[in-house]
Amino acid sequence: MGLYPEIEPYDHGLLDVGDGNRVYWETCGNPHGKPALVLHGGPGSGCTPYFRRLFDPAAYRIVLLDQRGCGRSTPRASAYDTDMSVNTTAHLIADLELLRRHLGIGRWLVWGVSWGSVLGLRYAQTHPGVVSELVLTGVATGSNPEVALLSRGLGQLFPEAFERFVGELPEGERDGNLAAACNRLLESPDPEVRARAARAWTDWETATIPAPPRSVERFEDPAFRMGFARTVTHYWGNDHFLGEGNDEGVVLRDAPLLKDIPGTLVQGSLDFGNLLGTVWRLHHAWPGSELVVVDEVGHDAGAPGVADALVAATDKYAVTRRRAARRASSAGC
């Protein structure tokens, strides 16, 4: 099937969302097409042009944004004086609603990868009337067991890398929430302590990539590395700001709220998040969902088989929109 050709935005801007934050957004494709919102991963990764190519530009009005603290949004999480207390799941969801109204959109398809799937799911659960469909990949739900698996449990699979990572943490904090312990170092007034902690976190994430090449180019940018590590550990160390009950999984608990929203889940068979069965549990708790498993692929939205499945999903929902429009037109005749 393949990706759609590269395109450029026809509009963009910085939206003042309060708390001193301005969120970068852009729109691509057909200004009169089906609205689709893209939610990047991380938290803290920022959007890339690749995401634009997962949608038919003739059929979709594609909206991308850099969530608070990352990408082209300001202020950046990499700056020590940036207030992270106003960067939470509730703040991000409020930003999405501000952007939707700013762009004059009633309902939109929500596409999300990794952390973006957590944010997209919670957004749909709390604002079901504005989400027409969900397309999610590298699926996560932000539960505490997922954080424990990815920050500690994988240490049994990658013991040498885990020993190096934990060795950077204070001895008295190696038995608790490792993300929270790392985040405390990233909030240190000492820039050297912060720099070492950011490198330790991104080295650990890189080490857990299931297949070669085990490298992440963007982690070699000190500013990106700092902002990414600070934001991820801020969320992972604070229950993803999902509130009480996240030991069992707030998003999974509330999956029945998605019953009227169609959705497609695209998951690599080698994604380590699968070790908890999260995506299968979500699929079975969400009546309107379909699950597409791509063999021999990990946590990678850019893998060929994953990309094909994502394009197939957005194409399907674009066709659904066109059929509905034709039915409405016929009824009016």
C-alpha atoms as a PDB file:
ATOM      1  CA  MET A   1       0.000   0.000   0.000  1.00  0.00           C
ATOM      2  CA  GLY A   2       2.758   2.458   0.938  1.00  0.00           C
ATOM      3  CA  LEU A   3       2.838   5.944   2.395  1.00  0.00           C
ATOM      4  CA  TYR A   4       1.301   8.989   0.791  1.00  0.00           C
ATOM      5  CA  PRO A   5       3.703  11.551  -0.773  1.00  0.00           C
ATOM      6  CA  GLU A   6       5.412  14.148   1.377  1.00  0.00           C
ATOM      7  CA  ILE A   7       3.379  17.314   1.860  1.00  0.00           C
ATOM      8  CA  GLU A   8       3.865  20.659   3.580  1.00  0.00           C
ATOM      9  CA  PRO A   9       1.458  22.469   5.916  1.00  0.00           C
ATOM     10  CA  TYR A  10      -0.874  25.032   4.409  1.00  0.00           C
ATOM     11  CA  ASP A  11      -1.294  26.738   7.790  1.00  0.00           C
ATOM     12  CA  HIS A  12       0.423  26.766  11.167  1.00  0.00           C
ATOM     13  CA  GLY A  13       0.650  28.803  14.341  1.00  0.00           C
ATOM     14  CA  LEU A  14       1.355  29.005  18.060  1.00  0.00           C
ATOM     15  CA  LEU A  15      -1.730  28.746  20.273  1.00  0.00           C
ATOM     16  CA  ASP A  16      -1.660  30.394  23.687  1.00  0.00           C
ATOM     17  CA  VAL A  17      -3.001  27.697  26.005  1.00  0.00           C
ATOM     18  CA  GLY A  18      -2.296  29.512  29.261  1.00  0.00           C
ATOM     19  CA  ASP A  19       0.225  28.930  32.043  1.00  0.00           C
ATOM     20  CA  GLY A  20       2.811  30.710  29.886  1.00  0.00           C
ATOM     21  CA  ASN A  21       2.648  27.931  27.264  1.00  0.00           C
ATOM     22  CA  ARG A  22       2.251  28.324  23.514  1.00  0.00           C
ATOM     23  CA  VAL A  23       1.549  25.145  21.548  1.00  0.00           C
ATOM     24  CA  TYR A  24       2.719  24.747  17.956  1.00  0.00           C
ATOM     25  CA  TRP A  25       0.133  23.387  15.484  1.00  0.00           C
ATOM     26  CA  GLU A  26      -0.043  22.862  11.744  1.00  0.00           C
ATOM     27  CA  THR A  27      -2.638  21.732   9.222  1.00  0.00           C
ATOM     28  CA  CYS A  28      -1.975  19.793   6.021  1.00  0.00           C
ATOM     29  CA  GLY A  29      -3.937  18.180   3.212  1.00  0.00           C
ATOM     30  CA  ASN A  30      -7.457  19.235   2.209  1.00  0.00           C
ATOM     31  CA  PRO A  31      -8.833  22.237   4.178  1.00  0.00           C
ATOM     32  CA  HIS A  32     -12.336  20.829   3.592  1.00  0.00           C
ATOM     33  CA  GLY A  33     -11.446  17.197   4.296  1.00  0.00           C
ATOM     34  CA  LYS A  34     -12.218  14.941   7.232  1.00  0.00           C
ATOM     35  CA  PRO A  35     -10.416  16.394  10.300  1.00  0.00           C
ATOM     36  CA  ALA A  36      -7.742  14.151  11.844  1.00  0.00           C
ATOM     37  CA  LEU A  37      -5.617  14.934  14.895  1.00  0.00           C
ATOM     38  CA  VAL A  38      -2.129  13.438  15.305  1.00  0.00           C
ATOM     39  CA  LEU A  39      -0.792  12.782  18.818  1.00  0.00           C
ATOM     40  CA  HIS A  40       2.915  12.027  19.039  1.00  0.00           C
ATOM     41  CA  GLY A  41       4.635   9.809  21.560  1.00  0.00           C
ATOM     42  CA  GLY A  42       7.084  10.320  24.376  1.00  0.00           C
ATOM     43  CA  PRO A  43       5.691  12.119  26.250  1.00  0.00           C
ATOM     44  CA  GLY A  44       7.965  14.799  24.826  1.00  0.00           C
ATOM     45  CA  SER A  45       8.926  13.501  21.390  1.00  0.00           C
ATOM     46  CA  GLY A  46       7.239  16.109  19.181  1.00  0.00           C
ATOM     47  CA  CYS A  47       5.657  15.604  15.759  1.00  0.00           C
ATOM     48  CA  THR A  48       7.558  14.709  12.605  1.00  0.00           C
ATOM     49  CA  PRO A  49       6.679  15.068   8.880  1.00  0.00           C
ATOM     50  CA  TYR A  50       6.376  11.266   8.657  1.00  0.00           C
ATOM     51  CA  PHE A  51       2.975  11.366  10.353  1.00  0.00           C
ATOM     52  CA  ARG A  52       1.520  13.477   7.541  1.00  0.00           C
ATOM     53  CA  ARG A  53       2.123  10.632   5.108  1.00  0.00           C
ATOM     54  CA  LEU A  54      -0.242   8.244   6.880  1.00  0.00           C
ATOM     55  CA  PHE A  55      -3.303  10.126   5.587  1.00  0.00           C
ATOM     56  CA  ASP A  56      -4.723  10.689   2.112  1.00  0.00           C
ATOM     57  CA  PRO A  57      -4.112  14.449   1.657  1.00  0.00           C
ATOM     58  CA  ALA A  58      -7.110  14.705  -0.669  1.00  0.00           C
ATOM     59  CA  ALA A  59      -9.443  13.215   1.935  1.00  0.00           C
ATOM     60  CA  TYR A  60      -8.118  14.578   5.228  1.00  0.00           C
ATOM     61  CA  ARG A  61      -7.540  17.856   6.981  1.00  0.00           C
ATOM     62  CA  ILE A  62      -4.536  16.665   9.012  1.00  0.00           C
ATOM     63  CA  VAL A  63      -3.788  18.502  12.262  1.00  0.00           C
ATOM     64  CA  LEU A  64      -0.443  17.984  13.990  1.00  0.00           C
ATOM     65  CA  LEU A  65       0.776  19.617  17.180  1.00  0.00           C
ATOM     66  CA  ASP A  66       3.783  19.551  19.472  1.00  0.00           C
ATOM     67  CA  GLN A  67       2.486  18.942  22.983  1.00  0.00           C
ATOM     68  CA  ARG A  68       3.539  21.198  25.845  1.00  0.00           C
ATOM     69  CA  GLY A  69       7.254  21.507  26.400  1.00  0.00           C
ATOM     70  CA  CYS A  70       8.498  19.846  23.213  1.00  0.00           C
ATOM     71  CA  GLY A  71       9.193  20.415  19.539  1.00  0.00           C
ATOM     72  CA  ARG A  72       8.325  23.951  18.458  1.00  0.00           C
ATOM     73  CA  SER A  73       6.093  24.645  21.452  1.00  0.00           C
ATOM     74  CA  THR A  74       7.344  27.003  24.146  1.00  0.00           C
ATOM     75  CA  PRO A  75       8.753  26.986  26.734  1.00  0.00           C
ATOM     76  CA  ARG A  76      10.806  23.840  26.201  1.00  0.00           C
ATOM     77  CA  ALA A  77      11.068  21.181  28.885  1.00  0.00           C
ATOM     78  CA  SER A  78      14.816  21.153  28.254  1.00  0.00           C
ATOM     79  CA  ALA A  79      15.073  24.558  29.968  1.00  0.00           C
ATOM     80  CA  TYR A  80      15.612  24.149  33.698  1.00  0.00           C
ATOM     81  CA  ASP A  81      13.268  27.028  34.600  1.00  0.00           C
ATOM     82  CA  THR A  82      10.298  25.576  32.669  1.00  0.00           C
ATOM     83  CA  ASP A  83       7.444  24.856  35.087  1.00  0.00           C
ATOM     84  CA  MET A  84       6.556  21.188  34.675  1.00  0.00           C
ATOM     85  CA  SER A  85       3.689  21.366  37.185  1.00  0.00           C
ATOM     86  CA  VAL A  86       1.484  22.715  34.368  1.00  0.00           C
ATOM     87  CA  ASN A  87       2.368  19.831  32.053  1.00  0.00           C
ATOM     88  CA  THR A  88      -0.062  17.030  32.928  1.00  0.00           C
ATOM     89  CA  THR A  89      -2.556  14.820  31.094  1.00  0.00           C
ATOM     90  CA  ALA A  90      -5.410  17.133  32.077  1.00  0.00           C
ATOM     91  CA  HIS A  91      -3.519  20.149  30.729  1.00  0.00           C
ATOM     92  CA  LEU A  92      -2.818  18.390  27.424  1.00  0.00           C
ATOM     93  CA  ILE A  93      -6.445  17.354  27.012  1.00  0.00           C
ATOM     94  CA  ALA A  94      -7.541  20.941  27.665  1.00  0.00           C
ATOM     95  CA  ASP A  95      -5.041  22.073  25.004  1.00  0.00           C
ATOM     96  CA  LEU A  96      -6.607  19.691  22.472  1.00  0.00           C
ATOM     97  CA  GLU A  97     -10.024  21.168  23.128  1.00  0.00           C
ATOM     98  CA  LEU A  98      -8.692  24.713  22.782  1.00  0.00           C
ATOM     99  CA  LEU A  99      -7.079  23.781  19.474  1.00  0.00           C
ATOM    100  CA  ARG A 100     -10.201  22.046  18.186  1.00  0.00           C
ATOM    101  CA  ARG A 101     -12.300  25.128  18.858  1.00  0.00           C
ATOM    102  CA  HIS A 102      -9.592  27.443  17.508  1.00  0.00           C
ATOM    103  CA  LEU A 103      -9.644  25.547  14.196  1.00  0.00           C
ATOM    104  CA  GLY A 104     -13.442  25.399  14.077  1.00  0.00           C
ATOM    105  CA  ILE A 105     -13.584  21.592  14.108  1.00  0.00           C
ATOM    106  CA  GLY A 106     -16.604  19.736  15.455  1.00  0.00           C
ATOM    107  CA  ARG A 107     -15.360  16.129  15.486  1.00  0.00           C
ATOM    108  CA  TRP A 108     -12.088  14.598  14.418  1.00  0.00           C
ATOM    109  CA  LEU A 109     -10.415  11.250  14.002  1.00  0.00           C
ATOM    110  CA  VAL A 110      -7.669  10.902  16.624  1.00  0.00           C
ATOM    111  CA  TRP A 111      -4.435   9.130  15.685  1.00  0.00           C
ATOM    112  CA  GLY A 112      -1.866   8.339  18.368  1.00  0.00           C
ATOM    113  CA  VAL A 113       1.406   6.477  18.840  1.00  0.00           C
ATOM    114  CA  SER A 114       2.747   5.134  22.155  1.00  0.00           C
ATOM    115  CA  TRP A 115       2.123   7.904  24.722  1.00  0.00           C
ATOM    116  CA  GLY A 116      -0.089   9.474  22.047  1.00  0.00           C
ATOM    117  CA  SER A 117      -2.319   6.408  22.295  1.00  0.00           C
ATOM    118  CA  VAL A 118      -2.661   6.948  26.062  1.00  0.00           C
ATOM    119  CA  LEU A 119      -3.537  10.600  25.524  1.00  0.00           C
ATOM    120  CA  GLY A 120      -5.899   9.783  22.649  1.00  0.00           C
ATOM    121  CA  LEU A 121      -7.716   7.117  24.637  1.00  0.00           C
ATOM    122  CA  ARG A 122      -8.160   9.337  27.681  1.00  0.00           C
ATOM    123  CA  TYR A 123      -9.264  12.250  25.497  1.00  0.00           C
ATOM    124  CA  ALA A 124     -11.890  10.041  23.838  1.00  0.00           C
ATOM    125  CA  GLN A 125     -13.063   8.707  27.207  1.00  0.00           C
ATOM    126  CA  THR A 126     -13.518  12.215  28.629  1.00  0.00           C
ATOM    127  CA  HIS A 127     -14.756  13.893  25.400  1.00  0.00           C
ATOM    128  CA  PRO A 128     -16.460  11.096  23.420  1.00  0.00           C
ATOM    129  CA  GLY A 129     -18.668  13.479  21.459  1.00  0.00           C
ATOM    130  CA  VAL A 130     -15.757  15.082  19.599  1.00  0.00           C
ATOM    131  CA  VAL A 131     -13.863  11.908  18.589  1.00  0.00           C
ATOM    132  CA  SER A 132     -15.177  10.196  15.438  1.00  0.00           C
ATOM    133  CA  GLU A 133     -12.636   7.320  15.332  1.00  0.00           C
ATOM    134  CA  LEU A 134      -9.345   6.279  16.917  1.00  0.00           C
ATOM    135  CA  VAL A 135      -6.299   4.869  15.118  1.00  0.00           C
ATOM    136  CA  LEU A 136      -3.580   3.844  17.580  1.00  0.00           C
ATOM    137  CA  THR A 137      -0.203   2.118  17.310  1.00  0.00           C
ATOM    138  CA  GLY A 138       2.512   1.105  19.754  1.00  0.00           C
ATOM    139  CA  VAL A 139      -0.471   0.936  22.058  1.00  0.00           C
ATOM    140  CA  ALA A 140      -0.068   1.828  25.726  1.00  0.00           C
ATOM    141  CA  THR A 141      -2.560   2.783  28.405  1.00  0.00           C
ATOM    142  CA  GLY A 142      -0.275   4.513  30.923  1.00  0.00           C
ATOM    143  CA  SER A 143      -0.884   2.098  33.794  1.00  0.00           C
ATOM    144  CA  ASN A 144       1.618   1.735  36.608  1.00  0.00           C
ATOM    145  CA  PRO A 145       2.354  -1.925  35.705  1.00  0.00           C
ATOM    146  CA  GLU A 146       3.403  -0.751  32.220  1.00  0.00           C
ATOM    147  CA  VAL A 147       5.807   1.772  33.756  1.00  0.00           C
ATOM    148  CA  ALA A 148       7.204  -0.889  36.098  1.00  0.00           C
ATOM    149  CA  LEU A 149       7.735  -3.278  33.185  1.00  0.00           C
ATOM    150  CA  LEU A 150       9.528  -0.778  30.961  1.00  0.00           C
ATOM    151  CA  SER A 151      11.654   0.835  33.656  1.00  0.00           C
ATOM    152  CA  ARG A 152      12.478  -2.224  35.815  1.00  0.00           C
ATOM    153  CA  GLY A 153      10.996  -5.462  34.468  1.00  0.00           C
ATOM    154  CA  LEU A 154      13.010  -5.364  31.243  1.00  0.00           C
ATOM    155  CA  GLY A 155      16.126  -5.381  33.389  1.00  0.00           C
ATOM    156  CA  GLN A 156      15.851  -9.179  33.357  1.00  0.00           C
ATOM    157  CA  LEU A 157      16.178  -9.139  29.566  1.00  0.00           C
ATOM    158  CA  PHE A 158      18.874  -6.468  29.416  1.00  0.00           C
ATOM    159  CA  PRO A 159      20.783  -6.927  32.696  1.00  0.00           C
ATOM    160  CA  GLU A 160      24.007  -5.178  31.706  1.00  0.00           C
ATOM    161  CA  ALA A 161      22.239  -2.050  30.442  1.00  0.00           C
ATOM    162  CA  PHE A 162      19.927  -2.081  33.460  1.00  0.00           C
ATOM    163  CA  GLU A 163      22.869  -2.230  35.854  1.00  0.00           C
ATOM    164  CA  ARG A 164      24.410   0.811  34.156  1.00  0.00           C
ATOM    165  CA  PHE A 165      21.105   2.705  34.345  1.00  0.00           C
ATOM    166  CA  VAL A 166      20.384   1.927  37.994  1.00  0.00           C
ATOM    167  CA  GLY A 167      24.009   2.688  38.852  1.00  0.00           C
ATOM    168  CA  GLU A 168      23.347   6.340  38.013  1.00  0.00           C
ATOM    169  CA  LEU A 169      20.582   6.567  40.640  1.00  0.00           C
ATOM    170  CA  PRO A 170      21.143   7.229  44.373  1.00  0.00           C
ATOM    171  CA  GLU A 171      21.518   3.951  46.266  1.00  0.00           C
ATOM    172  CA  GLY A 172      18.520   4.654  48.473  1.00  0.00           C
ATOM    173  CA  GLU A 173      16.201   5.120  45.464  1.00  0.00           C
ATOM    174  CA  ARG A 174      16.947   1.980  43.458  1.00  0.00           C
ATOM    175  CA  ASP A 175      14.091  -0.097  44.881  1.00  0.00           C
ATOM    176  CA  GLY A 176      11.178   2.241  44.196  1.00  0.00           C
ATOM    177  CA  ASN A 177       9.780   3.971  41.108  1.00  0.00           C
ATOM    178  CA  LEU A 178      12.872   4.318  38.931  1.00  0.00           C
ATOM    179  CA  ALA A 179      11.302   6.925  36.663  1.00  0.00           C
ATOM    180  CA  ALA A 180      10.509   9.125  39.662  1.00  0.00           C
ATOM    181  CA  ALA A 181      14.040   8.659  41.009  1.00  0.00           C
ATOM    182  CA  CYS A 182      15.527   9.665  37.667  1.00  0.00           C
ATOM    183  CA  ASN A 183      13.173  12.642  37.435  1.00  0.00           C
ATOM    184  CA  ARG A 184      14.414  13.945  40.783  1.00  0.00           C
ATOM    185  CA  LEU A 185      17.929  14.015  39.316  1.00  0.00           C
ATOM    186  CA  LEU A 186      16.612  15.791  36.222  1.00  0.00           C
ATOM    187  CA  GLU A 187      15.191  18.514  38.488  1.00  0.00           C
ATOM    188  CA  SER A 188      18.535  19.020  40.250  1.00  0.00           C
ATOM    189  CA  PRO A 189      19.968  22.559  40.255  1.00  0.00           C
ATOM    190  CA  ASP A 190      23.297  21.021  39.190  1.00  0.00           C
ATOM    191  CA  PRO A 191      23.486  20.959  35.355  1.00  0.00           C
ATOM    192  CA  GLU A 192      25.998  18.103  35.403  1.00  0.00           C
ATOM    193  CA  VAL A 193      23.654  15.938  37.481  1.00  0.00           C
ATOM    194  CA  ARG A 194      20.829  16.714  35.063  1.00  0.00           C
ATOM    195  CA  ALA A 195      22.973  15.906  32.022  1.00  0.00           C
ATOM    196  CA  ARG A 196      24.093  12.533  33.429  1.00  0.00           C
ATOM    197  CA  ALA A 197      20.528  11.595  34.346  1.00  0.00           C
ATOM    198  CA  ALA A 198      19.221  12.461  30.869  1.00  0.00           C
ATOM    199  CA  ARG A 199      21.944  10.365  29.244  1.00  0.00           C
ATOM    200  CA  ALA A 200      21.283   7.457  31.628  1.00  0.00           C
ATOM    201  CA  TRP A 201      17.564   7.462  30.818  1.00  0.00           C
ATOM    202  CA  THR A 202      17.936   7.646  27.037  1.00  0.00           C
ATOM    203  CA  ASP A 203      20.735   5.041  27.061  1.00  0.00           C
ATOM    204  CA  TRP A 204      18.374   2.691  28.902  1.00  0.00           C
ATOM    205  CA  GLU A 205      15.529   3.319  26.435  1.00  0.00           C
ATOM    206  CA  THR A 206      17.910   2.721  23.526  1.00  0.00           C
ATOM    207  CA  ALA A 207      19.196  -0.528  25.052  1.00  0.00           C
ATOM    208  CA  THR A 208      15.682  -1.982  25.158  1.00  0.00           C
ATOM    209  CA  ILE A 209      15.077  -1.678  21.413  1.00  0.00           C
ATOM    210  CA  PRO A 210      14.425  -5.334  20.484  1.00  0.00           C
ATOM    211  CA  ALA A 211      16.306  -5.446  17.178  1.00  0.00           C
ATOM    212  CA  PRO A 212      19.314  -3.765  15.504  1.00  0.00           C
ATOM    213  CA  PRO A 213      20.239  -1.075  14.843  1.00  0.00           C
ATOM    214  CA  ARG A 214      19.992  -0.173  18.526  1.00  0.00           C
ATOM    215  CA  SER A 215      20.431   3.565  18.136  1.00  0.00           C
ATOM    216  CA  VAL A 216      18.214   6.650  18.312  1.00  0.00           C
ATOM    217  CA  GLU A 217      19.717   9.604  16.450  1.00  0.00           C
ATOM    218  CA  ARG A 218      17.638  12.274  18.165  1.00  0.00           C
ATOM    219  CA  PHE A 219      18.995  11.197  21.569  1.00  0.00           C
ATOM    220  CA  GLU A 220      22.385  12.556  20.480  1.00  0.00           C
ATOM    221  CA  ASP A 221      20.948  16.096  20.559  1.00  0.00           C
ATOM    222  CA  PRO A 222      21.575  17.295  24.162  1.00  0.00           C
ATOM    223  CA  ALA A 223      18.545  19.625  24.172  1.00  0.00           C
ATOM    224  CA  PHE A 224      16.193  16.952  22.854  1.00  0.00           C
ATOM    225  CA  ARG A 225      17.666  14.366  25.208  1.00  0.00           C
ATOM    226  CA  MET A 226      17.122  16.600  28.237  1.00  0.00           C
ATOM    227  CA  GLY A 227      13.578  17.644  27.335  1.00  0.00           C
ATOM    228  CA  PHE A 228      12.534  14.118  26.416  1.00  0.00           C
ATOM    229  CA  ALA A 229      13.959  12.457  29.537  1.00  0.00           C
ATOM    230  CA  ARG A 230      12.549  15.147  31.805  1.00  0.00           C
ATOM    231  CA  THR A 231       9.063  14.883  30.318  1.00  0.00           C
ATOM    232  CA  VAL A 232       8.887  11.073  30.186  1.00  0.00           C
ATOM    233  CA  THR A 233      10.045  10.647  33.777  1.00  0.00           C
ATOM    234  CA  HIS A 234       7.728  13.463  34.899  1.00  0.00           C
ATOM    235  CA  TYR A 235       4.738  11.491  33.577  1.00  0.00           C
ATOM    236  CA  TRP A 236       5.967   7.993  34.395  1.00  0.00           C
ATOM    237  CA  GLY A 237       6.925   9.044  37.912  1.00  0.00           C
ATOM    238  CA  ASN A 238       3.486  10.522  38.591  1.00  0.00           C
ATOM    239  CA  ASP A 239       1.023   7.801  37.479  1.00  0.00           C
ATOM    240  CA  HIS A 240       0.708   9.582  34.115  1.00  0.00           C
ATOM    241  CA  PHE A 241      -1.459  12.046  36.061  1.00  0.00           C
ATOM    242  CA  LEU A 242      -4.410   9.681  35.605  1.00  0.00           C
ATOM    243  CA  GLY A 243      -5.472   9.733  39.239  1.00  0.00           C
ATOM    244  CA  GLU A 244      -6.393   7.014  41.706  1.00  0.00           C
ATOM    245  CA  GLY A 245      -6.753   3.493  40.411  1.00  0.00           C
ATOM    246  CA  ASN A 246      -3.834   3.546  38.005  1.00  0.00           C
ATOM    247  CA  ASP A 247      -2.269   0.498  39.652  1.00  0.00           C
ATOM    248  CA  GLU A 248      -5.001  -1.423  37.835  1.00  0.00           C
ATOM    249  CA  GLY A 249      -5.117   0.946  34.864  1.00  0.00           C
ATOM    250  CA  VAL A 250      -7.532   3.866  34.653  1.00  0.00           C
ATOM    251  CA  VAL A 251      -7.685   3.823  30.837  1.00  0.00           C
ATOM    252  CA  LEU A 252      -8.343   0.073  30.743  1.00  0.00           C
ATOM    253  CA  ARG A 253     -10.953   0.412  33.473  1.00  0.00           C
ATOM    254  CA  ASP A 254     -12.812   3.026  31.435  1.00  0.00           C
ATOM    255  CA  ALA A 255     -12.540   1.223  28.081  1.00  0.00           C
ATOM    256  CA  PRO A 256     -16.337   0.649  27.963  1.00  0.00           C
ATOM    257  CA  LEU A 257     -16.741   4.422  27.572  1.00  0.00           C
ATOM    258  CA  LEU A 258     -15.366   3.988  24.032  1.00  0.00           C
ATOM    259  CA  LYS A 259     -18.255   1.733  22.967  1.00  0.00           C
ATOM    260  CA  ASP A 260     -19.654   4.204  20.410  1.00  0.00           C
ATOM    261  CA  ILE A 261     -16.265   5.085  18.865  1.00  0.00           C
ATOM    262  CA  PRO A 262     -14.818   2.829  16.134  1.00  0.00           C
ATOM    263  CA  GLY A 263     -11.104   2.187  16.443  1.00  0.00           C
ATOM    264  CA  THR A 264      -8.141   0.351  14.964  1.00  0.00           C
ATOM    265  CA  LEU A 265      -5.217  -0.869  17.092  1.00  0.00           C
ATOM    266  CA  VAL A 266      -2.020  -1.648  15.150  1.00  0.00           C
ATOM    267  CA  GLN A 267       0.555  -3.495  17.246  1.00  0.00           C
ATOM    268  CA  GLY A 268       3.951  -5.044  16.543  1.00  0.00           C
ATOM    269  CA  SER A 269       4.238  -8.614  17.823  1.00  0.00           C
ATOM    270  CA  LEU A 270       7.650  -7.785  19.364  1.00  0.00           C
ATOM    271  CA  ASP A 271       6.467  -4.671  21.212  1.00  0.00           C
ATOM    272  CA  PHE A 272       7.538  -5.252  24.817  1.00  0.00           C
ATOM    273  CA  GLY A 273       4.322  -3.664  26.069  1.00  0.00           C
ATOM    274  CA  ASN A 274       2.636  -6.864  24.866  1.00  0.00           C
ATOM    275  CA  LEU A 275       4.202  -8.756  27.775  1.00  0.00           C
ATOM    276  CA  LEU A 276       1.369  -7.465  29.950  1.00  0.00           C
ATOM    277  CA  GLY A 277      -1.303  -8.236  27.368  1.00  0.00           C
ATOM    278  CA  THR A 278      -2.407  -4.597  27.482  1.00  0.00           C
ATOM    279  CA  VAL A 279      -3.466  -4.215  23.863  1.00  0.00           C
ATOM    280  CA  TRP A 280      -5.434  -7.481  23.907  1.00  0.00           C
ATOM    281  CA  ARG A 281      -7.203  -6.517  27.118  1.00  0.00           C
ATOM    282  CA  LEU A 282      -8.059  -3.117  25.666  1.00  0.00           C
ATOM    283  CA  HIS A 283      -9.352  -4.652  22.441  1.00  0.00           C
ATOM    284  CA  HIS A 284     -11.640  -7.083  24.278  1.00  0.00           C
ATOM    285  CA  ALA A 285     -12.945  -4.367  26.591  1.00  0.00           C
ATOM    286  CA  TRP A 286     -13.707  -2.015  23.670  1.00  0.00           C
ATOM    287  CA  PRO A 287     -16.518  -3.386  21.505  1.00  0.00           C
ATOM    288  CA  GLY A 288     -15.935  -1.063  18.556  1.00  0.00           C
ATOM    289  CA  SER A 289     -12.248  -1.869  18.093  1.00  0.00           C
ATOM    290  CA  GLU A 290     -10.271  -4.070  15.719  1.00  0.00           C
ATOM    291  CA  LEU A 291      -6.768  -5.346  16.444  1.00  0.00           C
ATOM    292  CA  VAL A 292      -4.128  -5.718  13.727  1.00  0.00           C
ATOM    293  CA  VAL A 293      -0.929  -7.504  14.829  1.00  0.00           C
ATOM    294  CA  VAL A 294       2.145  -7.090  12.624  1.00  0.00           C
ATOM    295  CA  ASP A 295       4.653  -9.929  12.968  1.00  0.00           C
ATOM    296  CA  GLU A 296       8.351  -9.412  13.778  1.00  0.00           C
ATOM    297  CA  VAL A 297       7.954  -5.701  14.516  1.00  0.00           C
ATOM    298  CA  GLY A 298       8.557  -3.891  17.789  1.00  0.00           C
ATOM    299  CA  HIS A 299       7.490  -0.479  19.101  1.00  0.00           C
ATOM    300  CA  ASP A 300       7.914   1.261  15.750  1.00  0.00           C
ATOM    301  CA  ALA A 301       5.257   3.266  13.904  1.00  0.00           C
ATOM    302  CA  GLY A 302       7.591   3.554  10.926  1.00  0.00           C
ATOM    303  CA  ALA A 303       8.069  -0.172  10.281  1.00  0.00           C
ATOM    304  CA  PRO A 304       6.800  -1.138   6.789  1.00  0.00           C
ATOM    305  CA  GLY A 305       4.065  -3.532   7.908  1.00  0.00           C
ATOM    306  CA  VAL A 306       2.877  -1.132  10.590  1.00  0.00           C
ATOM    307  CA  ALA A 307       2.811   1.794   8.177  1.00  0.00           C
ATOM    308  CA  ASP A 308       0.741  -0.223   5.691  1.00  0.00           C
ATOM    309  CA  ALA A 309      -1.787  -1.122   8.396  1.00  0.00           C
ATOM    310  CA  LEU A 310      -2.029   2.482   9.575  1.00  0.00           C
ATOM    311  CA  VAL A 311      -2.640   3.771   6.050  1.00  0.00           C
ATOM    312  CA  ALA A 312      -5.255   1.058   5.509  1.00  0.00           C
ATOM    313  CA  ALA A 313      -7.029   2.227   8.677  1.00  0.00           C
ATOM    314  CA  THR A 314      -7.063   5.921   7.768  1.00  0.00           C
ATOM    315  CA  ASP A 315      -8.175   5.043   4.238  1.00  0.00           C
ATOM    316  CA  LYS A 316     -11.028   2.959   5.641  1.00  0.00           C
ATOM    317  CA  TYR A 317     -12.284   5.763   7.866  1.00  0.00           C
ATOM    318  CA  ALA A 318     -12.012   8.278   5.022  1.00  0.00           C
ATOM    319  CA  VAL A 319     -14.232   6.018   2.889  1.00  0.00           C
ATOM    320  CA  THR A 320     -16.713   5.777   5.771  1.00  0.00           C
ATOM    321  CA  ARG A 321     -16.918   9.567   5.780  1.00  0.00           C
ATOM    322  CA  ARG A 322     -17.542   9.703   2.019  1.00  0.00           C
ATOM    323  CA  ARG A 323     -20.256   7.025   2.211  1.00  0.00           C
ATOM    324  CA  ALA A 324     -22.020   8.893   4.989  1.00  0.00           C
ATOM    325  CA  ALA A 325     -21.898  12.100   2.940  1.00  0.00           C
ATOM    326  CA  ARG A 326     -23.397  10.312  -0.086  1.00  0.00           C
ATOM    327  CA  ARG A 327     -26.193   8.846   2.053  1.00  0.00           C
ATOM    328  CA  ALA A 328     -26.984  12.278   3.478  1.00  0.00           C
ATOM    329  CA  SER A 329     -27.029  13.769  -0.023  1.00  0.00           C
ATOM    330  CA  SER A 330     -29.372  11.053  -1.293  1.00  0.00           C
ATOM    331  CA  ALA A 331     -31.704  11.516   1.649  1.00  0.00           C
ATOM    332  CA  GLY A 332     -31.947  15.216   0.881  1.00  0.00           C
ATOM    333  CA  CYS A 333     -33.001  14.583  -2.720  1.00  0.00           C
END
